[in-house]
Full PDB file with SEQRES, HELIX, SHEET, SSBOND, CRYST1, ORIGX, SCALE, CONECT and MASTER records, all heavy atoms in Angstrom:
SEQRES   1 A   35  ARG ARG LEU ILE ALA LEU ARG ARG ALA SER PRO VAL LEU          
SEQRES   2 A   35  ARG GLN ARG ALA PHE PHE GLU GLY ARG ALA VAL ASN ALA          
SEQRES   3 A   35  ASP GLY CYS LYS ASP LEU ALA TRP PHE                          
HELIX    1 AA1 ARG A    2  ALA A    9  1                                   8    
HELIX    2 AA2 PRO A   11  LEU A   13  5                                   3    
CRYST1    1.000    1.000    1.000  90.00  90.00  90.00 P 1           1          
ORIGX1      1.000000  0.000000  0.000000        0.00000                         
ORIGX2      0.000000  1.000000  0.000000        0.00000                         
ORIGX3      0.000000  0.000000  1.000000        0.00000                         
SCALE1      1.000000  0.000000  0.000000        0.00000                         
SCALE2      0.000000  1.000000  0.000000        0.00000                         
SCALE3      0.000000  0.000000  1.000000        0.00000                         
ATOM      1  N   ARG A   1       8.929  -3.478  23.046  1.00  0.00           N  
ATOM      2  CA  ARG A   1       7.661  -2.934  22.560  1.00  0.00           C  
ATOM      3  C   ARG A   1       7.832  -1.492  22.092  1.00  0.00           C  
ATOM      4  O   ARG A   1       7.273  -1.084  21.064  1.00  0.00           O  
ATOM      5  CB  ARG A   1       6.613  -3.025  23.663  1.00  0.00           C  
ATOM      6  CG  ARG A   1       6.093  -4.443  23.912  1.00  0.00           C  
ATOM      7  CD  ARG A   1       5.196  -4.491  25.128  1.00  0.00           C  
ATOM      8  NE  ARG A   1       4.538  -5.793  25.270  1.00  0.00           N  
ATOM      9  CZ  ARG A   1       3.920  -6.204  26.378  1.00  0.00           C  
ATOM     10  NH1 ARG A   1       3.883  -5.406  27.442  1.00  0.00           N  
ATOM     11  NH2 ARG A   1       3.358  -7.386  26.430  1.00  0.00           N  
ATOM     12  N   ARG A   2       8.591  -0.691  22.836  1.00  0.00           N  
ATOM     13  CA  ARG A   2       8.807   0.706  22.452  1.00  0.00           C  
ATOM     14  C   ARG A   2       9.566   0.788  21.136  1.00  0.00           C  
ATOM     15  O   ARG A   2       9.233   1.596  20.263  1.00  0.00           O  
ATOM     16  CB  ARG A   2       9.579   1.435  23.552  1.00  0.00           C  
ATOM     17  CG  ARG A   2       8.793   1.661  24.835  1.00  0.00           C  
ATOM     18  CD  ARG A   2       9.584   2.519  25.808  1.00  0.00           C  
ATOM     19  NE  ARG A   2       9.752   3.869  25.268  1.00  0.00           N  
ATOM     20  CZ  ARG A   2      10.879   4.559  25.336  1.00  0.00           C  
ATOM     21  NH1 ARG A   2      11.952   4.029  25.893  1.00  0.00           N  
ATOM     22  NH2 ARG A   2      10.940   5.785  24.840  1.00  0.00           N  
ATOM     23  N   LEU A   3      10.589  -0.039  20.992  1.00  0.00           N  
ATOM     24  CA  LEU A   3      11.390  -0.003  19.766  1.00  0.00           C  
ATOM     25  C   LEU A   3      10.567  -0.417  18.554  1.00  0.00           C  
ATOM     26  O   LEU A   3      10.653   0.197  17.480  1.00  0.00           O  
ATOM     27  CB  LEU A   3      12.610  -0.912  19.915  1.00  0.00           C  
ATOM     28  CG  LEU A   3      13.705  -0.418  20.858  1.00  0.00           C  
ATOM     29  CD1 LEU A   3      14.694  -1.544  21.164  1.00  0.00           C  
ATOM     30  CD2 LEU A   3      14.439   0.778  20.247  1.00  0.00           C  
ATOM     31  N   ILE A   4       9.766  -1.468  18.708  1.00  0.00           N  
ATOM     32  CA  ILE A   4       8.949  -1.927  17.585  1.00  0.00           C  
ATOM     33  C   ILE A   4       7.902  -0.882  17.233  1.00  0.00           C  
ATOM     34  O   ILE A   4       7.656  -0.594  16.040  1.00  0.00           O  
ATOM     35  CB  ILE A   4       8.312  -3.293  17.901  1.00  0.00           C  
ATOM     36  CG1 ILE A   4       9.397  -4.383  17.947  1.00  0.00           C  
ATOM     37  CG2 ILE A   4       7.238  -3.640  16.879  1.00  0.00           C  
ATOM     38  CD1 ILE A   4       8.880  -5.754  18.324  1.00  0.00           C  
ATOM     39  N   ALA A   5       7.273  -0.297  18.243  1.00  0.00           N  
ATOM     40  CA  ALA A   5       6.276   0.737  17.967  1.00  0.00           C  
ATOM     41  C   ALA A   5       6.919   1.928  17.262  1.00  0.00           C  
ATOM     42  O   ALA A   5       6.343   2.493  16.319  1.00  0.00           O  
ATOM     43  CB  ALA A   5       5.616   1.181  19.273  1.00  0.00           C  
ATOM     44  N   LEU A   6       8.116   2.302  17.698  1.00  0.00           N  
ATOM     45  CA  LEU A   6       8.823   3.411  17.052  1.00  0.00           C  
ATOM     46  C   LEU A   6       9.165   3.063  15.612  1.00  0.00           C  
ATOM     47  O   LEU A   6       8.983   3.887  14.705  1.00  0.00           O  
ATOM     48  CB  LEU A   6      10.097   3.727  17.841  1.00  0.00           C  
ATOM     49  CG  LEU A   6      10.993   4.840  17.270  1.00  0.00           C  
ATOM     50  CD1 LEU A   6      10.263   6.180  17.282  1.00  0.00           C  
ATOM     51  CD2 LEU A   6      12.292   4.923  18.068  1.00  0.00           C  
ATOM     52  N   ARG A   7       9.629   1.861  15.400  1.00  0.00           N  
ATOM     53  CA  ARG A   7       9.983   1.442  14.040  1.00  0.00           C  
ATOM     54  C   ARG A   7       8.759   1.465  13.131  1.00  0.00           C  
ATOM     55  O   ARG A   7       8.819   1.948  12.003  1.00  0.00           O  
ATOM     56  CB  ARG A   7      10.598   0.041  14.082  1.00  0.00           C  
ATOM     57  CG  ARG A   7      11.028  -0.474  12.718  1.00  0.00           C  
ATOM     58  CD  ARG A   7      11.546  -1.904  12.758  1.00  0.00           C  
ATOM     59  NE  ARG A   7      11.987  -2.310  11.433  1.00  0.00           N  
ATOM     60  CZ  ARG A   7      13.210  -2.151  10.955  1.00  0.00           C  
ATOM     61  NH1 ARG A   7      14.141  -1.601  11.716  1.00  0.00           N  
ATOM     62  NH2 ARG A   7      13.515  -2.525   9.727  1.00  0.00           N  
ATOM     63  N   ARG A   8       7.649   0.945  13.617  1.00  0.00           N  
ATOM     64  CA  ARG A   8       6.448   0.874  12.791  1.00  0.00           C  
ATOM     65  C   ARG A   8       5.878   2.263  12.505  1.00  0.00           C  
ATOM     66  O   ARG A   8       5.202   2.464  11.479  1.00  0.00           O  
ATOM     67  CB  ARG A   8       5.407  -0.017  13.460  1.00  0.00           C  
ATOM     68  CG  ARG A   8       5.858  -1.470  13.574  1.00  0.00           C  
ATOM     69  CD  ARG A   8       4.779  -2.392  14.106  1.00  0.00           C  
ATOM     70  NE  ARG A   8       3.686  -2.559  13.158  1.00  0.00           N  
ATOM     71  CZ  ARG A   8       2.733  -3.480  13.277  1.00  0.00           C  
ATOM     72  NH1 ARG A   8       2.759  -4.323  14.302  1.00  0.00           N  
ATOM     73  NH2 ARG A   8       1.774  -3.572  12.390  1.00  0.00           N  
ATOM     74  N   ALA A   9       6.159   3.221  13.389  1.00  0.00           N  
ATOM     75  CA  ALA A   9       5.644   4.575  13.194  1.00  0.00           C  
ATOM     76  C   ALA A   9       6.595   5.471  12.408  1.00  0.00           C  
ATOM     77  O   ALA A   9       6.215   6.594  12.053  1.00  0.00           O  
ATOM     78  CB  ALA A   9       5.357   5.213  14.557  1.00  0.00           C  
ATOM     79  N   SER A  10       7.802   4.990  12.108  1.00  0.00           N  
ATOM     80  CA  SER A  10       8.846   5.853  11.550  1.00  0.00           C  
ATOM     81  C   SER A  10       9.355   5.307  10.223  1.00  0.00           C  
ATOM     82  O   SER A  10      10.226   4.430  10.196  1.00  0.00           O  
ATOM     83  CB  SER A  10      10.006   5.975  12.537  1.00  0.00           C  
ATOM     84  OG  SER A  10       9.547   6.433  13.787  1.00  0.00           O  
ATOM     85  N   PRO A  11       8.868   5.818   9.106  1.00  0.00           N  
ATOM     86  CA  PRO A  11       9.341   5.341   7.798  1.00  0.00           C  
ATOM     87  C   PRO A  11      10.845   5.484   7.606  1.00  0.00           C  
ATOM     88  O   PRO A  11      11.445   4.693   6.875  1.00  0.00           O  
ATOM     89  CB  PRO A  11       8.571   6.218   6.807  1.00  0.00           C  
ATOM     90  CG  PRO A  11       7.377   6.704   7.551  1.00  0.00           C  
ATOM     91  CD  PRO A  11       7.807   6.835   8.982  1.00  0.00           C  
ATOM     92  N   VAL A  12      11.464   6.476   8.248  1.00  0.00           N  
ATOM     93  CA  VAL A  12      12.899   6.668   8.061  1.00  0.00           C  
ATOM     94  C   VAL A  12      13.701   5.497   8.604  1.00  0.00           C  
ATOM     95  O   VAL A  12      14.842   5.265   8.193  1.00  0.00           O  
ATOM     96  CB  VAL A  12      13.354   7.993   8.717  1.00  0.00           C  
ATOM     97  CG1 VAL A  12      13.368   7.877  10.247  1.00  0.00           C  
ATOM     98  CG2 VAL A  12      14.725   8.425   8.203  1.00  0.00           C  
ATOM     99  N   LEU A  13      13.098   4.711   9.512  1.00  0.00           N  
ATOM    100  CA  LEU A  13      13.791   3.570  10.098  1.00  0.00           C  
ATOM    101  C   LEU A  13      13.566   2.277   9.319  1.00  0.00           C  
ATOM    102  O   LEU A  13      14.128   1.238   9.679  1.00  0.00           O  
ATOM    103  CB  LEU A  13      13.332   3.369  11.554  1.00  0.00           C  
ATOM    104  CG  LEU A  13      13.608   4.528  12.509  1.00  0.00           C  
ATOM    105  CD1 LEU A  13      13.018   4.237  13.885  1.00  0.00           C  
ATOM    106  CD2 LEU A  13      15.105   4.794  12.613  1.00  0.00           C  
ATOM    107  N   ARG A  14      12.752   2.308   8.288  1.00  0.00           N  
ATOM    108  CA  ARG A  14      12.447   1.085   7.535  1.00  0.00           C  
ATOM    109  C   ARG A  14      12.310   1.419   6.050  1.00  0.00           C  
ATOM    110  O   ARG A  14      11.308   1.111   5.418  1.00  0.00           O  
ATOM    111  CB  ARG A  14      11.197   0.402   8.077  1.00  0.00           C  
ATOM    112  CG  ARG A  14      10.040   1.348   8.339  1.00  0.00           C  
ATOM    113  CD  ARG A  14       8.836   0.643   8.968  1.00  0.00           C  
ATOM    114  NE  ARG A  14       7.809   1.601   9.332  1.00  0.00           N  
ATOM    115  CZ  ARG A  14       6.924   2.128   8.506  1.00  0.00           C  
ATOM    116  NH1 ARG A  14       6.922   1.761   7.231  1.00  0.00           N  
ATOM    117  NH2 ARG A  14       6.034   2.995   8.930  1.00  0.00           N  
ATOM    118  N   GLN A  15      13.343   1.999   5.503  1.00  0.00           N  
ATOM    119  CA  GLN A  15      13.290   2.502   4.134  1.00  0.00           C  
ATOM    120  C   GLN A  15      13.395   1.382   3.101  1.00  0.00           C  
ATOM    121  O   GLN A  15      14.094   0.392   3.299  1.00  0.00           O  
ATOM    122  CB  GLN A  15      14.408   3.518   3.916  1.00  0.00           C  
ATOM    123  CG  GLN A  15      14.292   4.721   4.827  1.00  0.00           C  
ATOM    124  CD  GLN A  15      15.018   5.928   4.283  1.00  0.00           C  
ATOM    125  OE1 GLN A  15      14.985   6.221   3.099  1.00  0.00           O  
ATOM    126  NE2 GLN A  15      15.687   6.643   5.165  1.00  0.00           N  
ATOM    127  N   ARG A  16      12.709   1.596   1.982  1.00  0.00           N  
ATOM    128  CA  ARG A  16      12.771   0.649   0.862  1.00  0.00           C  
ATOM    129  C   ARG A  16      14.024   0.842   0.021  1.00  0.00           C  
ATOM    130  O   ARG A  16      14.493  -0.093  -0.621  1.00  0.00           O  
ATOM    131  CB  ARG A  16      11.557   0.842  -0.053  1.00  0.00           C  
ATOM    132  CG  ARG A  16      10.279   0.212   0.431  1.00  0.00           C  
ATOM    133  CD  ARG A  16       9.170   0.433  -0.583  1.00  0.00           C  
ATOM    134  NE  ARG A  16       9.548  -0.001  -1.919  1.00  0.00           N  
ATOM    135  CZ  ARG A  16       9.419  -1.252  -2.377  1.00  0.00           C  
ATOM    136  NH1 ARG A  16       8.943  -2.193  -1.570  1.00  0.00           N  
ATOM    137  NH2 ARG A  16       9.757  -1.554  -3.612  1.00  0.00           N  
ATOM    138  N   ALA A  17      14.529   2.072  -0.025  1.00  0.00           N  
ATOM    139  CA  ALA A  17      15.664   2.397  -0.897  1.00  0.00           C  
ATOM    140  C   ALA A  17      16.944   2.485  -0.073  1.00  0.00           C  
ATOM    141  O   ALA A  17      16.917   2.840   1.113  1.00  0.00           O  
ATOM    142  CB  ALA A  17      15.418   3.710  -1.624  1.00  0.00           C  
ATOM    143  N   PHE A  18      18.046   2.174  -0.719  1.00  0.00           N  
ATOM    144  CA  PHE A  18      19.327   2.354  -0.053  1.00  0.00           C  
ATOM    145  C   PHE A  18      19.637   3.846   0.077  1.00  0.00           C  
ATOM    146  O   PHE A  18      19.274   4.654  -0.780  1.00  0.00           O  
ATOM    147  CB  PHE A  18      20.447   1.659  -0.836  1.00  0.00           C  
ATOM    148  CG  PHE A  18      20.446   0.172  -0.692  1.00  0.00           C  
ATOM    149  CD1 PHE A  18      20.067  -0.642  -1.756  1.00  0.00           C  
ATOM    150  CD2 PHE A  18      20.826  -0.426   0.498  1.00  0.00           C  
ATOM    151  CE1 PHE A  18      20.063  -2.025  -1.627  1.00  0.00           C  
ATOM    152  CE2 PHE A  18      20.830  -1.802   0.642  1.00  0.00           C  
ATOM    153  CZ  PHE A  18      20.447  -2.608  -0.420  1.00  0.00           C  
ATOM    154  N   PHE A  19      20.310   4.194   1.157  1.00  0.00           N  
ATOM    155  CA  PHE A  19      20.758   5.576   1.343  1.00  0.00           C  
ATOM    156  C   PHE A  19      21.811   5.919   0.286  1.00  0.00           C  
ATOM    157  O   PHE A  19      22.539   5.057  -0.201  1.00  0.00           O  
ATOM    158  CB  PHE A  19      21.363   5.746   2.739  1.00  0.00           C  
ATOM    159  CG  PHE A  19      20.382   5.518   3.859  1.00  0.00           C  
ATOM    160  CD1 PHE A  19      20.329   4.292   4.516  1.00  0.00           C  
ATOM    161  CD2 PHE A  19      19.526   6.518   4.265  1.00  0.00           C  
ATOM    162  CE1 PHE A  19      19.446   4.069   5.553  1.00  0.00           C  
ATOM    163  CE2 PHE A  19      18.622   6.317   5.305  1.00  0.00           C  
ATOM    164  CZ  PHE A  19      18.579   5.082   5.948  1.00  0.00           C  
ATOM    165  N   GLU A  20      21.899   7.211  -0.024  1.00  0.00           N  
ATOM    166  CA  GLU A  20      22.864   7.665  -1.025  1.00  0.00           C  
ATOM    167  C   GLU A  20      23.982   8.503  -0.420  1.00  0.00           C  
ATOM    168  O   GLU A  20      24.992   8.754  -1.068  1.00  0.00           O  
ATOM    169  CB  GLU A  20      22.145   8.465  -2.116  1.00  0.00           C  
ATOM    170  CG  GLU A  20      21.156   7.606  -2.899  1.00  0.00           C  
ATOM    171  CD  GLU A  20      20.460   8.388  -3.998  1.00  0.00           C  
ATOM    172  OE1 GLU A  20      20.716   9.615  -4.121  1.00  0.00           O  
ATOM    173  OE2 GLU A  20      19.661   7.781  -4.732  1.00  0.00           O  
ATOM    174  N   GLY A  21      23.803   8.978   0.819  1.00  0.00           N  
ATOM    175  CA  GLY A  21      24.852   9.751   1.462  1.00  0.00           C  
ATOM    176  C   GLY A  21      25.115  11.071   0.779  1.00  0.00           C  
ATOM    177  O   GLY A  21      26.231  11.596   0.823  1.00  0.00           O  
ATOM    178  N   ARG A  22      24.101  11.646   0.162  1.00  0.00           N  
ATOM    179  CA  ARG A  22      24.266  12.934  -0.525  1.00  0.00           C  
ATOM    180  C   ARG A  22      23.155  13.875  -0.088  1.00  0.00           C  
ATOM    181  O   ARG A  22      22.141  13.453   0.497  1.00  0.00           O  
ATOM    182  CB  ARG A  22      24.230  12.755  -2.033  1.00  0.00           C  
ATOM    183  CG  ARG A  22      22.937  12.189  -2.573  1.00  0.00           C  
ATOM    184  CD  ARG A  22      22.939  12.112  -4.089  1.00  0.00           C  
ATOM    185  NE  ARG A  22      21.700  11.544  -4.604  1.00  0.00           N  
ATOM    186  CZ  ARG A  22      20.582  12.243  -4.795  1.00  0.00           C  
ATOM    187  NH1 ARG A  22      20.542  13.532  -4.491  1.00  0.00           N  
ATOM    188  NH2 ARG A  22      19.499  11.657  -5.280  1.00  0.00           N  
ATOM    189  N   ALA A  23      23.331  15.142  -0.364  1.00  0.00           N  
ATOM    190  CA  ALA A  23      22.356  16.153   0.032  1.00  0.00           C  
ATOM    191  C   ALA A  23      21.021  15.903  -0.663  1.00  0.00           C  
ATOM    192  O   ALA A  23      20.968  15.724  -1.878  1.00  0.00           O  
ATOM    193  CB  ALA A  23      22.875  17.545  -0.297  1.00  0.00           C  
ATOM    194  N   VAL A  24      19.969  15.889   0.115  1.00  0.00           N  
ATOM    195  CA  VAL A  24      18.633  15.685  -0.441  1.00  0.00           C  
ATOM    196  C   VAL A  24      17.713  16.846  -0.081  1.00  0.00           C  
ATOM    197  O   VAL A  24      16.539  16.830  -0.421  1.00  0.00           O  
ATOM    198  CB  VAL A  24      18.024  14.358   0.070  1.00  0.00           C  
ATOM    199  CG1 VAL A  24      18.776  13.173  -0.494  1.00  0.00           C  
ATOM    200  CG2 VAL A  24      18.007  14.324   1.593  1.00  0.00           C  
ATOM    201  N   ASN A  25      18.248  17.831   0.617  1.00  0.00           N  
ATOM    202  CA  ASN A  25      17.459  18.993   1.012  1.00  0.00           C  
ATOM    203  C   ASN A  25      18.222  20.266   0.664  1.00  0.00           C  
ATOM    204  O   ASN A  25      19.450  20.265   0.546  1.00  0.00           O  
ATOM    205  CB  ASN A  25      17.161  18.952   2.516  1.00  0.00           C  
ATOM    206  CG  ASN A  25      16.244  17.806   2.883  1.00  0.00           C  
ATOM    207  OD1 ASN A  25      15.051  17.834   2.598  1.00  0.00           O  
ATOM    208  ND2 ASN A  25      16.804  16.768   3.507  1.00  0.00           N  
ATOM    209  N   ALA A  26      17.479  21.356   0.518  1.00  0.00           N  
ATOM    210  CA  ALA A  26      18.087  22.627   0.113  1.00  0.00           C  
ATOM    211  C   ALA A  26      19.111  23.122   1.123  1.00  0.00           C  
ATOM    212  O   ALA A  26      20.041  23.863   0.769  1.00  0.00           O  
ATOM    213  CB  ALA A  26      16.995  23.682  -0.086  1.00  0.00           C  
ATOM    214  N   ASP A  27      18.975  22.713   2.399  1.00  0.00           N  
ATOM    215  CA  ASP A  27      19.920  23.170   3.413  1.00  0.00           C  
ATOM    216  C   ASP A  27      21.214  22.375   3.409  1.00  0.00           C  
ATOM    217  O   ASP A  27      22.106  22.611   4.225  1.00  0.00           O  
ATOM    218  CB  ASP A  27      19.289  23.137   4.805  1.00  0.00           C  
ATOM    219  CG  ASP A  27      18.774  21.747   5.180  1.00  0.00           C  
ATOM    220  OD1 ASP A  27      19.138  20.756   4.510  1.00  0.00           O  
ATOM    221  OD2 ASP A  27      18.007  21.647   6.153  1.00  0.00           O  
ATOM    222  N   GLY A  28      21.332  21.391   2.479  1.00  0.00           N  
ATOM    223  CA  GLY A  28      22.567  20.623   2.360  1.00  0.00           C  
ATOM    224  C   GLY A  28      22.629  19.371   3.201  1.00  0.00           C  
ATOM    225  O   GLY A  28      23.624  18.641   3.150  1.00  0.00           O  
ATOM    226  N   CYS A  29      21.591  19.090   3.979  1.00  0.00           N  
ATOM    227  CA  CYS A  29      21.591  17.869   4.801  1.00  0.00           C  
ATOM    228  C   CYS A  29      21.510  16.636   3.911  1.00  0.00           C  
ATOM    229  O   CYS A  29      20.715  16.574   2.966  1.00  0.00           O  
ATOM    230  CB  CYS A  29      20.419  17.886   5.778  1.00  0.00           C  
ATOM    231  SG  CYS A  29      20.662  18.978   7.177  1.00  0.00           S  
ATOM    232  N   LYS A  30      22.285  15.642   4.237  1.00  0.00           N  
ATOM    233  CA  LYS A  30      22.292  14.376   3.501  1.00  0.00           C  
ATOM    234  C   LYS A  30      21.214  13.447   4.054  1.00  0.00           C  
ATOM    235  O   LYS A  30      20.780  13.585   5.198  1.00  0.00           O  
ATOM    236  CB  LYS A  30      23.660  13.715   3.633  1.00  0.00           C  
ATOM    237  CG  LYS A  30      24.822  14.562   3.136  1.00  0.00           C  
ATOM    238  CD  LYS A  30      26.144  13.872   3.452  1.00  0.00           C  
ATOM    239  CE  LYS A  30      27.325  14.733   3.016  1.00  0.00           C  
ATOM    240  NZ  LYS A  30      28.629  14.117   3.380  1.00  0.00           N  
ATOM    241  N   ASP A  31      20.819  12.499   3.227  1.00  0.00           N  
ATOM    242  CA  ASP A  31      19.862  11.512   3.731  1.00  0.00           C  
ATOM    243  C   ASP A  31      20.499  10.653   4.817  1.00  0.00           C  
ATOM    244  O   ASP A  31      19.831  10.170   5.726  1.00  0.00           O  
ATOM    245  CB  ASP A  31      19.308  10.647   2.598  1.00  0.00           C  
ATOM    246  CG  ASP A  31      20.378   9.847   1.870  1.00  0.00           C  
ATOM    247  OD1 ASP A  31      21.573  10.173   1.990  1.00  0.00           O  
ATOM    248  OD2 ASP A  31      20.012   8.883   1.159  1.00  0.00           O  
ATOM    249  N   LEU A  32      21.821  10.480   4.724  1.00  0.00           N  
ATOM    250  CA  LEU A  32      22.558   9.683   5.700  1.00  0.00           C  
ATOM    251  C   LEU A  32      23.903  10.352   5.935  1.00  0.00           C  
ATOM    252  O   LEU A  32      24.618  10.676   4.974  1.00  0.00           O  
ATOM    253  CB  LEU A  32      22.774   8.255   5.175  1.00  0.00           C  
ATOM    254  CG  LEU A  32      23.733   7.363   5.955  1.00  0.00           C  
ATOM    255  CD1 LEU A  32      23.138   6.992   7.313  1.00  0.00           C  
ATOM    256  CD2 LEU A  32      24.048   6.089   5.149  1.00  0.00           C  
ATOM    257  N   ALA A  33      24.251  10.557   7.183  1.00  0.00           N  
ATOM    258  CA  ALA A  33      25.554  11.128   7.509  1.00  0.00           C  
ATOM    259  C   ALA A  33      26.113  10.443   8.744  1.00  0.00           C  
ATOM    260  O   ALA A  33      25.361  10.019   9.630  1.00  0.00           O  
ATOM    261  CB  ALA A  33      25.439  12.639   7.748  1.00  0.00           C  
ATOM    262  N   TRP A  34      27.443  10.359   8.790  1.00  0.00           N  
ATOM    263  CA  TRP A  34      28.133   9.667   9.887  1.00  0.00           C  
ATOM    264  C   TRP A  34      28.979  10.680  10.650  1.00  0.00           C  
ATOM    265  O   TRP A  34      29.719  11.460  10.052  1.00  0.00           O  
ATOM    266  CB  TRP A  34      29.025   8.553   9.337  1.00  0.00           C  
ATOM    267  CG  TRP A  34      28.265   7.528   8.541  1.00  0.00           C  
ATOM    268  CD1 TRP A  34      28.162   7.450   7.184  1.00  0.00           C  
ATOM    269  CD2 TRP A  34      27.487   6.453   9.063  1.00  0.00           C  
ATOM    270  NE1 TRP A  34      27.375   6.396   6.815  1.00  0.00           N  
ATOM    271  CE2 TRP A  34      26.944   5.749   7.951  1.00  0.00           C  
ATOM    272  CE3 TRP A  34      27.189   6.001  10.349  1.00  0.00           C  
ATOM    273  CZ2 TRP A  34      26.136   4.639   8.097  1.00  0.00           C  
ATOM    274  CZ3 TRP A  34      26.382   4.889  10.505  1.00  0.00           C  
ATOM    275  CH2 TRP A  34      25.867   4.215   9.388  1.00  0.00           C  
ATOM    276  N   PHE A  35      28.899  10.611  11.976  1.00  0.00           N  
ATOM    277  CA  PHE A  35      29.579  11.605  12.798  1.00  0.00           C  
ATOM    278  C   PHE A  35      30.547  10.976  13.795  1.00  0.00           C  
ATOM    279  O   PHE A  35      30.273   9.920  14.380  1.00  0.00           O  
ATOM    280  CB  PHE A  35      28.548  12.467  13.540  1.00  0.00           C  
ATOM    281  CG  PHE A  35      27.837  13.431  12.633  1.00  0.00           C  
ATOM    282  CD1 PHE A  35      26.628  13.086  12.041  1.00  0.00           C  
ATOM    283  CD2 PHE A  35      28.394  14.667  12.345  1.00  0.00           C  
ATOM    284  CE1 PHE A  35      25.972  13.967  11.190  1.00  0.00           C  
ATOM    285  CE2 PHE A  35      27.763  15.555  11.492  1.00  0.00           C  
ATOM    286  CZ  PHE A  35      26.550  15.206  10.913  1.00  0.00           C  
TER     287      PHE A  35                                                      
MASTER        0    0    0    2    0    0    0    6  286    1    0    3          
END                                                                             
């Protein structure tokens, strides 16, 4: 229940577009990064 509620409340967890793995913000953060 917690996971589903979090998913439904969080657009970043259910995106329509594929990630691009490139900087999308002025601070250089990527939309998707792997650590």
